[in-house]
Amino acid sequence: MDAKIVGATISALRKRDGMTQAELAAALSVSDKTVSKWENGKGYPDISLLENVAEALGVSVAELLSGQVVRNGNV
């Protein structure tokens, strides 16, 4: 698990969904500075938040942590 990969994944997915850092932060009950810290690779979401972060971004926890988002063509 690499903080830069996790951060880049959070940033890319958030932007894909047209969300600001403040909007994602509000959905997770954290500050926008916390989201910024994650996206800059200076920390990870707390383990208790991982499932909520993944859900808010529409991916699994495994995808979030690996940085490899899987698109299912059958959906």
Protein backbone atom coordinates (compact mmCIF):
# COMPACT_ATOMS: atom_id res chain seq x y z
CA MET A 1 0.00 0.00 0.00
CA ASP A 2 1.49 3.29 -1.14
CA ALA A 3 0.18 6.64 0.13
CA LYS A 4 0.89 8.32 -3.23
CA ILE A 5 -1.11 5.68 -5.14
CA VAL A 6 -4.02 5.82 -2.70
CA GLY A 7 -3.99 9.61 -2.81
CA ALA A 8 -3.87 9.75 -6.60
CA THR A 9 -6.73 7.27 -6.77
CA ILE A 10 -8.88 9.28 -4.36
CA SER A 11 -8.14 12.47 -6.31
CA ALA A 12 -8.88 10.94 -9.72
CA LEU A 13 -12.13 9.31 -8.58
CA ARG A 14 -13.30 12.45 -6.81
CA LYS A 15 -12.65 14.53 -9.91
CA ARG A 16 -14.29 11.92 -12.13
CA ASP A 17 -17.43 12.32 -10.06
CA GLY A 18 -17.25 16.13 -10.20
CA MET A 19 -16.81 16.43 -6.44
CA THR A 20 -14.76 19.03 -4.63
CA GLN A 21 -12.53 18.11 -1.71
CA ALA A 22 -14.99 19.92 0.55
CA GLU A 23 -17.92 17.85 -0.77
CA LEU A 24 -16.08 14.57 -0.25
CA ALA A 25 -14.98 15.72 3.19
CA ALA A 26 -18.57 16.60 4.15
CA ALA A 27 -19.78 13.19 2.99
CA LEU A 28 -17.17 11.54 5.22
CA SER A 29 -17.43 13.94 8.19
CA VAL A 30 -13.78 14.97 7.92
CA SER A 31 -12.17 18.29 7.00
CA ASP A 32 -11.21 19.26 3.46
CA LYS A 33 -7.64 19.56 4.76
CA THR A 34 -7.79 15.87 5.64
CA VAL A 35 -8.87 14.97 2.10
CA SER A 36 -6.07 17.18 0.74
CA LYS A 37 -3.56 15.37 2.95
CA TRP A 38 -4.71 12.01 1.58
CA GLU A 39 -4.61 13.20 -2.02
CA ASN A 40 -1.08 14.57 -1.60
CA GLY A 41 0.17 11.24 -0.26
CA LYS A 42 0.87 12.61 3.20
CA GLY A 43 -1.37 10.14 4.97
CA TYR A 44 -4.04 7.50 4.60
CA PRO A 45 -7.71 7.52 5.47
CA ASP A 46 -8.25 6.03 8.93
CA ILE A 47 -9.05 2.34 8.69
CA SER A 48 -12.52 3.02 10.09
CA LEU A 49 -13.17 5.33 7.10
CA LEU A 50 -11.90 3.12 4.27
CA GLU A 51 -15.24 1.52 3.51
CA ASN A 52 -17.01 4.89 3.54
CA VAL A 53 -14.38 6.48 1.29
CA ALA A 54 -14.63 3.61 -1.19
CA GLU A 55 -18.43 3.76 -1.15
CA ALA A 56 -18.47 7.54 -1.66
CA LEU A 57 -16.20 7.10 -4.68
CA GLY A 58 -18.03 4.07 -6.08
CA VAL A 59 -15.22 1.53 -5.81
CA SER A 60 -14.24 -1.35 -3.55
CA VAL A 61 -11.74 -0.95 -0.74
CA ALA A 62 -9.32 -3.18 -2.66
CA GLU A 63 -9.57 -0.94 -5.73
CA LEU A 64 -9.10 2.16 -3.60
CA LEU A 65 -5.93 0.82 -1.96
CA SER A 66 -4.41 -0.71 -5.09
CA GLY A 67 -5.16 2.17 -7.42
CA GLN A 68 -6.47 -0.28 -10.00
CA VAL A 69 -10.09 0.53 -10.64
CA VAL A 70 -11.94 -2.28 -12.39
CA ARG A 71 -14.72 -1.40 -14.79
CA ASN A 72 -17.30 -4.11 -15.32
CA GLY A 73 -18.60 -3.92 -18.87
CA ASN A 74 -21.62 -6.02 -17.95
CA VAL A 75 -23.13 -3.44 -15.63
